Amino acid sequence: MSRPSPLPPSSEPLPKKAVQAVFQTLQAQEAECRMNWSLRMARLEIPEVTQPILTHLFQFLLRNIESAINDEEALVRAFQAEVMRAQPSVMASDVLVVVGFLEELLLSIGWRLVEPAHMEQFVRFAHRLCFDLAREALSEGYFPAKLAARTQYMCDAPLVNWLNVISAECDWKWFALVRTRPQINVEESAVYVPETRMWTAEAPHPERTEQVRRALSEGSPFVAAVGDNLYAVASARQDPLTVRRFRQTAQWIQNALQLAVYVRGGHGSGRAEMLEVLLEFDDLLASAGDMNELLTAVVEHVCRRSGFKRSALFLYNPITQTVEGVHGYNVNVEEIMRIRQTDRDIPSLAQFVQIAKPVFLKDVGNILPQPYVNKFHLSSLLVCPVIDNRRLLGIMLLDHGGKPFTPDNTTIRMVEAMLARAGRMIVTQMYRQAGAAPITPLTTLTKREREILQLIADGIDTKEIGKALHISDYTVTEHVSSILRKLGAKNRTEAVAKAMRERIIH
């Protein structure tokens, strides 16, 4: 594994006791070494957010350095794994600072403890060890060093091209992109050729599909979501470092898929699909006969259309500062309706109330009351506010049936847009049930909607409105749809006429 040191070879062997004495002294003086390390970071102006991570890497080397006497490769691999776990917060320069300071300490102690006759050999040893630590961490913890050379192997298979560019070398067997709905389908798969250290495309075959199906059902560590109904599935040596490399590769694939919208000509297709879902949702809400039908439609449709398994809706009372369960989908609704909590019971509730955007919680074990976590088997949650005209009406919780997950940005935007519509309809239904007078257009239209309506009255088209207000054409269209619905207008001309009569615009 280790490359030869740039220094010329030496014929004199280095006594093991000399190395052991240096390592033991280094570990005995750990507190002093840590203090000097803190001073070094301050002098180099290492960002505060990075300092704890680099300190952990430095401490890891201090506490495990003695293992290099018997198994240097194990220490190098273990440090490599620590660097990869620290991604993406650690840069190449950070690793060099950590390893360089370790070498400085080794040489400083060596000059005091190692016999002059063996000092040259010790310098070579310390240099080679630190050289291997840095080289392996940088070559495997980041993009491959020979990235440019791999481009000559480009082919017509996108997955193969991507893997040949970014995947780290290890004991891979195969890698596949898989859709799971309406049935399991291997979109593309590749096999690793150890002799060439390259990936090659393979034709679809039943054996691979069966292996994929087994990996998905057994919860293999080599399965990761990379998109909506799209998973990366692989087979490789099952050790922590290889699993980490797989998850890093899957994350890069997910990022590439998100950027691919620009290659396809922008977000147009995704937005058109979202708009279609929202229009369908609007029709569903408008057809609800009473509050119960409305809430049933909200908890079920938001959950299903955004790909979640369960949902629970809670209404918020600003006077008592409480949330009360009112409905749910794929959960025991009676249990949900028994829930009534204040911010004293759930300290984080006040934060959720203040945040006007969905919040993803990776693990709610230390956030929500333990009885609820146990009763509903909670792990990851998407916490979504239900808002109307900047007023919090309630909170919807969404999850995947108690299984950990990480939602993508498209899903979060979809949920946010659907709940914005649900909030307006809930308020309307509340007024109907209370027999109150309808809300006037002036109160209903937001400030931004009135701005857009005024620009429409001035003869400005959608694209120019977007430029003037620094928003996208899609957002302008969304606001116009909302304006037409609130004013009960069939088109923009009728909306302008009604708004002028009501003196909303001039």
Protein backbone atom coordinates (compact mmCIF):
# COMPACT_ATOMS: atom_id res chain seq x y z
CA MET A 1 0.00 0.00 0.00
CA SER A 2 2.71 2.50 1.01
CA ARG A 3 4.62 4.28 -1.72
CA PRO A 4 8.35 4.66 -1.26
CA SER A 5 9.46 7.83 0.46
CA PRO A 6 11.16 10.51 -1.65
CA LEU A 7 14.15 10.16 0.69
CA PRO A 8 16.89 7.72 -0.38
CA PRO A 9 16.82 4.29 1.31
CA SER A 10 18.84 3.55 4.40
CA SER A 11 20.62 0.29 5.15
CA GLU A 12 20.44 0.74 8.92
CA PRO A 13 17.30 -0.71 10.59
CA LEU A 14 15.37 1.43 13.06
CA PRO A 15 15.03 -0.13 16.54
CA LYS A 16 11.42 -0.75 17.46
CA LYS A 17 12.03 0.46 21.01
CA ALA A 18 13.08 3.89 19.73
CA VAL A 19 9.81 4.35 17.84
CA GLN A 20 7.80 3.01 20.77
CA ALA A 21 9.45 5.47 23.16
CA VAL A 22 8.56 8.42 20.91
CA PHE A 23 4.94 7.29 20.51
CA GLN A 24 4.45 6.67 24.23
CA THR A 25 5.88 10.09 25.06
CA LEU A 26 3.58 11.68 22.52
CA GLN A 27 0.56 10.02 24.10
CA ALA A 28 1.68 10.86 27.65
CA GLN A 29 1.89 14.52 26.67
CA GLU A 30 -1.52 14.57 24.97
CA ALA A 31 -2.82 17.53 26.97
CA GLU A 32 0.20 19.66 26.05
CA CYS A 33 -0.04 18.55 22.43
CA ARG A 34 -3.70 19.54 22.30
CA MET A 35 -2.90 22.97 23.72
CA ASN A 36 -0.19 23.51 21.11
CA TRP A 37 -2.62 22.31 18.46
CA SER A 38 -5.18 24.92 19.54
CA LEU A 39 -2.54 27.61 19.28
CA ARG A 40 -1.57 26.39 15.82
CA MET A 41 -5.20 26.54 14.62
CA ALA A 42 -5.56 30.06 16.01
CA ARG A 43 -2.35 31.17 14.28
CA LEU A 44 -3.50 29.69 10.97
CA GLU A 45 -6.96 31.27 11.42
CA ILE A 46 -8.79 27.97 10.96
CA PRO A 47 -12.57 28.72 10.84
CA GLU A 48 -14.36 28.02 14.13
CA VAL A 49 -16.81 25.65 12.48
CA THR A 50 -13.91 23.48 11.24
CA GLN A 51 -11.79 23.52 14.41
CA PRO A 52 -13.71 20.78 16.34
CA ILE A 53 -13.49 18.45 13.34
CA LEU A 54 -9.75 18.96 12.87
CA THR A 55 -9.21 18.59 16.61
CA HIS A 56 -11.01 15.24 16.45
CA LEU A 57 -8.75 14.09 13.59
CA PHE A 58 -5.66 15.21 15.49
CA GLN A 59 -6.77 13.46 18.69
CA PHE A 60 -7.54 10.33 16.70
CA LEU A 61 -3.93 10.21 15.46
CA LEU A 62 -2.52 10.90 18.92
CA ARG A 63 -4.51 8.12 20.56
CA ASN A 64 -3.91 5.53 17.83
CA ILE A 65 -0.37 6.37 16.73
CA GLU A 66 1.19 3.47 18.66
CA SER A 67 -0.71 0.96 16.48
CA ALA A 68 1.56 1.96 13.58
CA ILE A 69 4.40 -0.03 15.15
CA ASN A 70 2.72 -3.36 14.35
CA ASP A 71 0.23 -2.40 11.61
CA GLU A 72 0.90 0.88 9.87
CA GLU A 73 -1.62 0.13 7.10
CA ALA A 74 -4.45 -0.29 9.63
CA LEU A 75 -3.75 3.17 11.08
CA VAL A 76 -3.64 4.73 7.62
CA ARG A 77 -6.96 3.13 6.63
CA ALA A 78 -8.60 4.09 9.93
CA PHE A 79 -7.49 7.72 9.52
CA GLN A 80 -8.74 7.66 5.94
CA ALA A 81 -12.17 6.56 7.19
CA GLU A 82 -12.21 9.38 9.78
CA VAL A 83 -11.45 11.93 7.08
CA MET A 84 -14.29 10.61 4.91
CA ARG A 85 -16.71 10.78 7.85
CA ALA A 86 -15.77 14.43 8.26
CA GLN A 87 -16.86 15.29 4.71
CA PRO A 88 -17.80 17.78 3.41
CA SER A 89 -16.41 20.01 6.17
CA VAL A 90 -12.73 19.09 5.72
CA MET A 91 -10.64 20.28 2.80
CA ALA A 92 -7.35 18.89 1.50
CA SER A 93 -5.42 21.73 3.11
CA ASP A 94 -6.97 20.86 6.48
CA VAL A 95 -5.72 17.27 6.27
CA LEU A 96 -2.23 18.49 5.42
CA VAL A 97 -2.26 20.82 8.44
CA VAL A 98 -3.19 17.94 10.78
CA VAL A 99 -0.64 15.48 9.38
CA GLY A 100 2.06 18.14 9.09
CA PHE A 101 1.68 19.08 12.75
CA LEU A 102 1.87 15.40 13.75
CA GLU A 103 5.15 15.03 11.84
CA GLU A 104 6.48 18.15 13.51
CA LEU A 105 5.71 16.68 16.96
CA LEU A 106 7.27 13.31 16.10
CA LEU A 107 10.51 14.90 14.95
CA SER A 108 10.62 17.23 17.95
CA ILE A 109 10.32 14.34 20.42
CA GLY A 110 12.61 12.16 18.29
CA TRP A 111 15.46 14.63 18.56
CA ARG A 112 15.27 14.28 22.35
CA LEU A 113 14.80 10.54 22.70
CA VAL A 114 16.27 8.75 19.69
CA GLU A 115 19.96 7.92 19.64
CA PRO A 116 21.95 10.03 17.13
CA ALA A 117 22.99 6.87 15.29
CA HIS A 118 19.32 6.07 14.58
CA MET A 119 17.97 9.57 14.04
CA GLU A 120 18.26 9.46 10.25
CA GLN A 121 16.22 6.25 10.12
CA PHE A 122 13.60 7.75 12.48
CA VAL A 123 13.25 10.84 10.29
CA ARG A 124 12.65 8.58 7.30
CA PHE A 125 10.09 6.55 9.26
CA ALA A 126 8.16 9.60 10.52
CA HIS A 127 8.18 11.17 7.08
CA ARG A 128 6.95 7.99 5.36
CA LEU A 129 4.19 7.44 7.94
CA CYS A 130 2.86 10.99 7.61
CA PHE A 131 3.26 10.86 3.85
CA ASP A 132 1.07 7.73 3.70
CA LEU A 133 -1.52 9.22 6.07
CA ALA A 134 -1.92 12.31 3.91
CA ARG A 135 -1.70 10.55 0.53
CA GLU A 136 -4.30 7.90 1.27
CA ALA A 137 -6.71 10.35 2.93
CA LEU A 138 -6.50 12.76 0.01
CA SER A 139 -6.58 10.23 -2.83
CA GLU A 140 -9.52 8.23 -1.44
CA GLY A 141 -11.43 10.81 0.58
CA TYR A 142 -11.90 13.12 -2.40
CA PHE A 143 -12.35 12.89 -6.17
CA PRO A 144 -9.88 10.44 -7.72
CA ALA A 145 -6.55 12.01 -8.61
CA LYS A 146 -6.67 10.54 -12.15
CA LEU A 147 -10.10 11.98 -12.92
CA ALA A 148 -8.96 13.59 -16.18
CA ALA A 149 -7.40 10.35 -17.47
CA ARG A 150 -10.68 8.47 -16.96
CA THR A 151 -12.62 10.63 -19.41
CA GLN A 152 -11.20 8.62 -22.33
CA TYR A 153 -13.45 5.72 -21.26
CA MET A 154 -16.70 7.67 -21.74
CA CYS A 155 -19.53 5.64 -23.31
CA ASP A 156 -23.28 5.88 -23.91
CA ALA A 157 -24.20 4.65 -20.42
CA PRO A 158 -24.54 7.64 -18.03
CA LEU A 159 -24.14 5.56 -14.86
CA VAL A 160 -20.95 3.92 -16.12
CA ASN A 161 -19.48 7.30 -17.07
CA TRP A 162 -20.33 8.75 -13.66
CA LEU A 163 -18.90 5.81 -11.72
CA ASN A 164 -15.67 5.83 -13.73
CA VAL A 165 -15.21 9.49 -12.89
CA ILE A 166 -16.13 9.69 -9.22
CA SER A 167 -16.23 6.26 -7.53
CA ALA A 168 -13.30 5.39 -5.28
CA GLU A 169 -11.40 2.18 -5.99
CA CYS A 170 -12.38 -0.69 -3.70
CA ASP A 171 -13.79 -4.21 -3.81
CA TRP A 172 -16.91 -3.34 -5.85
CA LYS A 173 -18.99 -6.00 -7.61
CA TRP A 174 -21.90 -4.19 -9.27
CA PHE A 175 -23.85 -0.93 -9.04
CA ALA A 176 -27.41 -0.20 -10.25
CA LEU A 177 -29.99 2.58 -10.46
CA VAL A 178 -33.41 1.17 -9.61
CA ARG A 179 -37.02 2.36 -9.66
CA THR A 180 -39.35 0.70 -7.14
CA ARG A 181 -42.78 1.83 -8.38
CA PRO A 182 -45.04 0.55 -9.82
CA GLN A 183 -42.66 -2.43 -9.75
CA ILE A 184 -38.92 -2.95 -9.26
CA ASN A 185 -37.12 -2.05 -12.46
CA VAL A 186 -33.33 -1.82 -12.96
CA GLU A 187 -32.88 1.34 -15.05
CA GLU A 188 -29.14 0.83 -15.57
CA SER A 189 -26.45 -1.34 -14.01
CA ALA A 190 -22.68 -1.64 -14.20
CA VAL A 191 -20.08 -4.19 -13.12
CA TYR A 192 -16.61 -3.46 -11.77
CA VAL A 193 -13.59 -4.97 -13.52
CA PRO A 194 -10.74 -5.25 -10.98
CA GLU A 195 -8.09 -5.86 -13.66
CA THR A 196 -8.67 -2.48 -15.29
CA ARG A 197 -10.13 -0.78 -12.17
CA MET A 198 -12.94 0.47 -14.39
CA TRP A 199 -16.73 0.07 -14.64
CA THR A 200 -18.45 -1.41 -17.66
CA ALA A 201 -22.13 -1.50 -18.64
CA GLU A 202 -24.13 -4.72 -18.49
CA ALA A 203 -27.31 -5.79 -20.22
CA PRO A 204 -30.47 -6.26 -18.10
CA HIS A 205 -30.87 -9.79 -16.75
CA PRO A 206 -33.19 -11.49 -14.21
CA GLU A 207 -30.37 -12.45 -11.83
CA ARG A 208 -29.40 -8.82 -11.24
CA THR A 209 -33.03 -7.83 -10.73
CA GLU A 210 -33.41 -10.57 -8.12
CA GLN A 211 -30.23 -9.41 -6.34
CA VAL A 212 -31.58 -5.87 -6.29
CA ARG A 213 -34.93 -7.06 -4.94
CA ARG A 214 -33.16 -8.96 -2.16
CA ALA A 215 -30.99 -5.97 -1.23
CA LEU A 216 -34.05 -3.72 -1.00
CA SER A 217 -36.06 -6.18 1.09
CA GLU A 218 -33.21 -7.06 3.48
CA GLY A 219 -32.26 -3.45 4.21
CA SER A 220 -28.75 -3.72 2.76
CA PRO A 221 -26.35 -0.89 3.70
CA PHE A 222 -25.67 -0.56 -0.02
CA VAL A 223 -29.11 0.95 -0.74
CA ALA A 224 -29.65 4.72 -0.83
CA ALA A 225 -32.40 6.96 -2.21
CA VAL A 226 -31.07 9.30 -4.92
CA GLY A 227 -34.36 10.71 -6.26
CA ASP A 228 -38.11 10.38 -6.32
CA ASN A 229 -38.76 6.61 -6.48
CA LEU A 230 -35.12 6.12 -7.56
CA TYR A 231 -32.48 4.21 -5.58
CA ALA A 232 -28.79 3.42 -5.87
CA VAL A 233 -28.13 -0.25 -5.08
CA ALA A 234 -24.72 -1.93 -5.04
CA SER A 235 -22.82 -5.00 -3.98
CA ALA A 236 -19.36 -4.70 -2.46
CA ARG A 237 -17.18 -5.80 0.43
CA GLN A 238 -19.21 -5.04 3.56
CA ASP A 239 -16.98 -2.96 5.81
CA PRO A 240 -17.49 0.56 7.24
CA LEU A 241 -15.12 2.25 4.80
CA THR A 242 -16.72 0.71 1.69
CA VAL A 243 -20.21 1.53 2.98
CA ARG A 244 -19.04 5.12 3.49
CA ARG A 245 -17.70 5.23 -0.07
CA PHE A 246 -21.01 3.90 -1.41
CA ARG A 247 -23.03 6.55 0.45
CA GLN A 248 -20.67 9.26 -0.76
CA THR A 249 -21.06 8.03 -4.35
CA ALA A 250 -24.86 7.89 -3.97
CA GLN A 251 -24.88 11.45 -2.63
CA TRP A 252 -22.92 12.66 -5.65
CA ILE A 253 -25.37 10.88 -7.97
CA GLN A 254 -28.29 12.54 -6.17
CA ASN A 255 -26.64 15.96 -6.58
CA ALA A 256 -26.01 15.28 -10.28
CA LEU A 257 -29.65 14.31 -10.82
CA GLN A 258 -30.79 17.54 -9.19
CA LEU A 259 -28.52 19.55 -11.49
CA ALA A 260 -29.75 17.61 -14.54
CA VAL A 261 -32.85 19.81 -14.73
CA TYR A 262 -30.66 22.49 -16.30
CA VAL A 263 -29.48 20.09 -19.00
CA ARG A 264 -33.12 19.31 -19.78
CA GLY A 265 -33.82 23.00 -20.25
CA GLY A 266 -34.56 24.27 -16.78
CA HIS A 267 -37.18 23.46 -14.17
CA GLY A 268 -40.05 23.72 -16.65
CA SER A 269 -41.10 20.07 -16.73
CA GLY A 270 -40.92 19.71 -12.95
CA ARG A 271 -42.88 22.89 -12.45
CA ALA A 272 -45.50 21.86 -14.96
CA GLU A 273 -45.94 18.58 -13.11
CA MET A 274 -46.20 20.42 -9.79
CA LEU A 275 -48.73 22.86 -11.22
CA GLU A 276 -50.84 19.94 -12.46
CA VAL A 277 -50.81 18.40 -8.96
CA LEU A 278 -51.72 21.73 -7.37
CA LEU A 279 -54.63 22.31 -9.75
CA GLU A 280 -55.95 18.84 -8.99
CA PHE A 281 -55.55 19.58 -5.27
CA ASP A 282 -57.44 22.87 -5.65
CA ASP A 283 -60.38 21.06 -7.26
CA LEU A 284 -60.37 18.49 -4.48
CA LEU A 285 -60.41 21.14 -1.74
CA ALA A 286 -63.10 23.16 -3.48
CA SER A 287 -65.39 20.12 -3.68
CA ALA A 288 -65.20 19.46 0.08
CA GLY A 289 -68.67 19.88 1.61
CA ASP A 290 -67.63 20.52 5.20
CA MET A 291 -64.58 20.84 7.45
CA ASN A 292 -64.28 17.09 8.01
CA GLU A 293 -64.22 16.39 4.27
CA LEU A 294 -61.71 19.19 3.79
CA LEU A 295 -59.31 17.93 6.48
CA THR A 296 -59.65 14.37 5.20
CA ALA A 297 -58.68 15.54 1.72
CA VAL A 298 -55.72 17.52 3.07
CA VAL A 299 -54.13 14.78 5.21
CA GLU A 300 -54.61 12.08 2.55
CA HIS A 301 -53.80 13.98 -0.63
CA VAL A 302 -50.74 15.83 0.71
CA CYS A 303 -49.38 12.55 2.06
CA ARG A 304 -49.94 10.48 -1.07
CA ARG A 305 -48.95 13.07 -3.68
CA SER A 306 -45.67 13.86 -1.91
CA GLY A 307 -44.75 10.19 -1.49
CA PHE A 308 -45.08 9.85 2.30
CA LYS A 309 -46.68 6.96 4.21
CA ARG A 310 -48.34 8.74 7.15
CA SER A 311 -49.55 12.23 8.07
CA ALA A 312 -51.02 13.89 11.13
CA LEU A 313 -52.59 17.35 11.28
CA PHE A 314 -52.63 19.58 14.36
CA LEU A 315 -54.37 22.95 14.66
CA TYR A 316 -52.63 25.72 16.60
CA ASN A 317 -54.36 27.99 19.13
CA PRO A 318 -52.34 31.22 19.51
CA ILE A 319 -54.24 32.25 22.66
CA THR A 320 -53.43 29.12 24.66
CA GLN A 321 -50.29 28.36 22.61
CA THR A 322 -51.34 24.75 22.15
CA VAL A 323 -51.52 22.29 19.28
CA GLU A 324 -54.44 19.86 19.11
CA GLY A 325 -54.64 16.78 16.92
CA VAL A 326 -57.55 16.92 14.45
CA HIS A 327 -56.90 14.34 11.72
CA GLY A 328 -54.46 11.89 10.19
CA TYR A 329 -53.80 9.49 7.34
CA ASN A 330 -52.63 5.88 7.84
CA VAL A 331 -52.57 6.49 11.62
CA ASN A 332 -55.07 5.97 14.41
CA VAL A 333 -57.07 9.20 14.12
CA GLU A 334 -58.60 8.76 17.57
CA GLU A 335 -55.11 8.66 19.10
CA ILE A 336 -54.15 11.80 17.16
CA MET A 337 -57.27 13.64 18.37
CA ARG A 338 -56.36 12.88 21.99
CA ILE A 339 -53.12 14.86 21.64
CA ARG A 340 -53.12 18.37 23.09
CA GLN A 341 -49.73 19.88 23.89
CA THR A 342 -48.36 23.30 24.88
CA ASP A 343 -44.90 24.72 24.39
CA ARG A 344 -44.22 23.80 28.03
CA ASP A 345 -44.72 20.13 27.14
CA ILE A 346 -42.70 20.41 23.92
CA PRO A 347 -40.01 23.14 24.27
CA SER A 348 -39.24 23.03 20.55
CA LEU A 349 -42.90 23.79 19.71
CA ALA A 350 -42.25 27.53 20.01
CA GLN A 351 -39.51 27.24 17.38
CA PHE A 352 -41.79 25.34 15.00
CA VAL A 353 -44.45 28.04 15.45
CA GLN A 354 -42.00 30.81 14.55
CA ILE A 355 -40.58 29.08 11.48
CA ALA A 356 -42.72 29.64 8.40
CA LYS A 357 -41.02 26.88 6.38
CA PRO A 358 -41.01 23.07 6.57
CA VAL A 359 -38.37 21.69 8.94
CA PHE A 360 -36.83 18.24 8.52
CA LEU A 361 -35.91 16.38 11.71
CA LYS A 362 -33.56 13.46 11.12
CA ASP A 363 -34.22 11.93 14.54
CA VAL A 364 -37.03 13.13 16.84
CA GLY A 365 -36.01 10.91 19.74
CA ASN A 366 -34.71 13.84 21.82
CA ILE A 367 -37.18 16.43 20.50
CA LEU A 368 -40.69 15.07 20.99
CA PRO A 369 -42.05 13.50 24.22
CA GLN A 370 -40.84 9.91 24.48
CA PRO A 371 -44.35 8.43 24.93
CA TYR A 372 -45.34 9.74 21.49
CA VAL A 373 -42.07 8.56 19.94
CA ASN A 374 -42.71 5.06 21.27
CA LYS A 375 -46.46 4.93 20.59
CA PHE A 376 -46.20 6.04 16.94
CA HIS A 377 -42.73 4.51 16.31
CA LEU A 378 -41.31 7.87 15.21
CA SER A 379 -37.83 8.41 13.79
CA SER A 380 -37.50 11.02 11.01
CA LEU A 381 -40.21 13.68 10.52
CA LEU A 382 -41.00 16.50 8.13
CA VAL A 383 -42.67 19.24 10.20
CA CYS A 384 -44.73 21.54 7.96
CA PRO A 385 -46.57 24.71 9.02
CA VAL A 386 -50.07 25.34 7.67
CA ILE A 387 -50.23 29.10 7.10
CA ASP A 388 -52.74 31.60 5.76
CA ASN A 389 -51.63 35.18 5.15
CA ARG A 390 -48.66 34.77 7.54
CA ARG A 391 -50.88 33.42 10.32
CA LEU A 392 -50.08 29.94 11.62
CA LEU A 393 -53.15 27.70 11.53
CA GLY A 394 -51.53 24.39 12.36
CA ILE A 395 -48.74 21.89 11.80
CA MET A 396 -48.65 18.76 9.65
CA LEU A 397 -46.27 15.90 10.42
CA LEU A 398 -45.23 13.58 7.59
CA ASP A 399 -43.10 10.44 7.69
CA HIS A 400 -42.45 7.05 6.09
CA GLY A 401 -44.17 4.85 8.65
CA GLY A 402 -41.48 5.23 11.29
CA LYS A 403 -38.54 4.50 8.97
CA PRO A 404 -35.62 6.99 8.71
CA PHE A 405 -35.62 9.09 5.54
CA THR A 406 -34.28 12.29 3.99
CA PRO A 407 -36.69 14.28 1.77
CA ASP A 408 -35.47 15.99 -1.39
CA ASN A 409 -36.07 19.66 -2.14
CA THR A 410 -38.76 18.92 -4.74
CA THR A 411 -40.81 17.01 -2.18
CA ILE A 412 -40.49 19.80 0.39
CA ARG A 413 -41.57 22.43 -2.16
CA MET A 414 -44.55 20.30 -3.17
CA VAL A 415 -45.73 19.90 0.44
CA GLU A 416 -45.24 23.60 1.14
CA ALA A 417 -47.27 24.63 -1.91
CA MET A 418 -50.11 22.21 -1.14
CA LEU A 419 -50.37 23.28 2.50
CA ALA A 420 -50.43 26.96 1.49
CA ARG A 421 -53.58 26.19 -0.48
CA ALA A 422 -54.97 24.05 2.32
CA GLY A 423 -54.50 26.94 4.77
CA ARG A 424 -56.61 29.30 2.70
CA MET A 425 -59.41 26.75 2.31
CA ILE A 426 -59.39 25.91 6.03
CA VAL A 427 -59.90 29.59 6.89
CA THR A 428 -62.71 29.87 4.32
CA GLN A 429 -64.40 26.78 5.75
CA MET A 430 -64.08 28.16 9.28
CA TYR A 431 -65.91 31.33 8.25
CA ARG A 432 -68.63 29.32 6.53
CA GLN A 433 -69.26 27.19 9.61
CA ALA A 434 -69.27 30.23 11.87
CA GLY A 435 -71.70 32.06 9.58
CA ALA A 436 -69.36 35.06 9.42
CA ALA A 437 -69.27 37.55 6.60
CA PRO A 438 -66.91 36.66 3.79
CA ILE A 439 -63.43 38.14 3.87
CA THR A 440 -63.08 41.21 1.64
CA PRO A 441 -60.67 41.01 -1.30
CA LEU A 442 -58.48 43.71 0.26
CA THR A 443 -57.94 41.50 3.31
CA THR A 444 -57.55 38.32 1.28
CA LEU A 445 -54.99 39.53 -1.26
CA THR A 446 -51.43 39.61 0.03
CA LYS A 447 -49.15 42.60 -0.54
CA ARG A 448 -47.30 40.75 -3.30
CA GLU A 449 -50.57 39.78 -5.00
CA ARG A 450 -51.71 43.42 -4.97
CA GLU A 451 -48.36 44.44 -6.49
CA ILE A 452 -48.74 41.90 -9.28
CA LEU A 453 -52.36 42.87 -9.91
CA GLN A 454 -51.36 46.54 -10.21
CA LEU A 455 -48.64 45.65 -12.74
CA ILE A 456 -51.18 43.61 -14.76
CA ALA A 457 -53.47 46.65 -14.78
CA ASP A 458 -50.54 48.70 -16.09
CA GLY A 459 -50.24 46.34 -19.05
CA ILE A 460 -47.09 44.49 -17.95
CA ASP A 461 -46.79 40.84 -19.07
CA THR A 462 -45.73 37.86 -16.93
CA LYS A 463 -42.06 37.83 -17.89
CA GLU A 464 -41.61 41.58 -17.24
CA ILE A 465 -43.47 41.28 -13.91
CA GLY A 466 -41.03 38.56 -12.88
CA LYS A 467 -38.05 40.75 -13.76
CA ALA A 468 -39.51 43.77 -11.96
CA LEU A 469 -40.18 41.84 -8.74
CA HIS A 470 -37.13 39.53 -9.02
CA ILE A 471 -39.23 36.36 -9.02
CA SER A 472 -39.65 33.55 -11.57
CA ASP A 473 -42.35 33.40 -14.26
CA TYR A 474 -43.74 30.34 -12.47
CA THR A 475 -44.12 32.27 -9.21
CA VAL A 476 -45.92 35.09 -11.03
CA THR A 477 -48.32 32.56 -12.58
CA GLU A 478 -48.94 31.04 -9.15
CA HIS A 479 -49.81 34.45 -7.71
CA VAL A 480 -52.12 35.22 -10.65
CA SER A 481 -53.96 31.92 -10.14
CA SER A 482 -54.41 32.82 -6.47
CA ILE A 483 -55.67 36.30 -7.38
CA LEU A 484 -58.25 34.92 -9.83
CA ARG A 485 -59.49 32.41 -7.27
CA LYS A 486 -59.77 34.96 -4.46
CA LEU A 487 -61.57 37.54 -6.60
CA GLY A 488 -63.77 34.96 -8.29
CA ALA A 489 -62.56 36.18 -11.69
CA LYS A 490 -62.42 34.14 -14.90
CA ASN A 491 -59.42 35.95 -16.35
CA ARG A 492 -56.95 38.76 -15.70
CA THR A 493 -59.14 41.43 -17.27
CA GLU A 494 -62.06 40.60 -15.00
CA ALA A 495 -59.74 40.49 -11.99
CA VAL A 496 -58.41 43.98 -12.77
CA ALA A 497 -61.96 45.32 -13.20
CA LYS A 498 -63.11 43.87 -9.87
CA ALA A 499 -60.00 45.11 -8.07
CA MET A 500 -60.52 48.64 -9.40
CA ARG A 501 -64.16 48.63 -8.26
CA GLU A 502 -63.06 47.54 -4.79
CA ARG A 503 -60.25 50.16 -4.93
CA ILE A 504 -57.64 47.49 -4.28
CA ILE A 505 -55.63 48.97 -7.16
CA HIS A 506 -55.92 52.18 -9.14
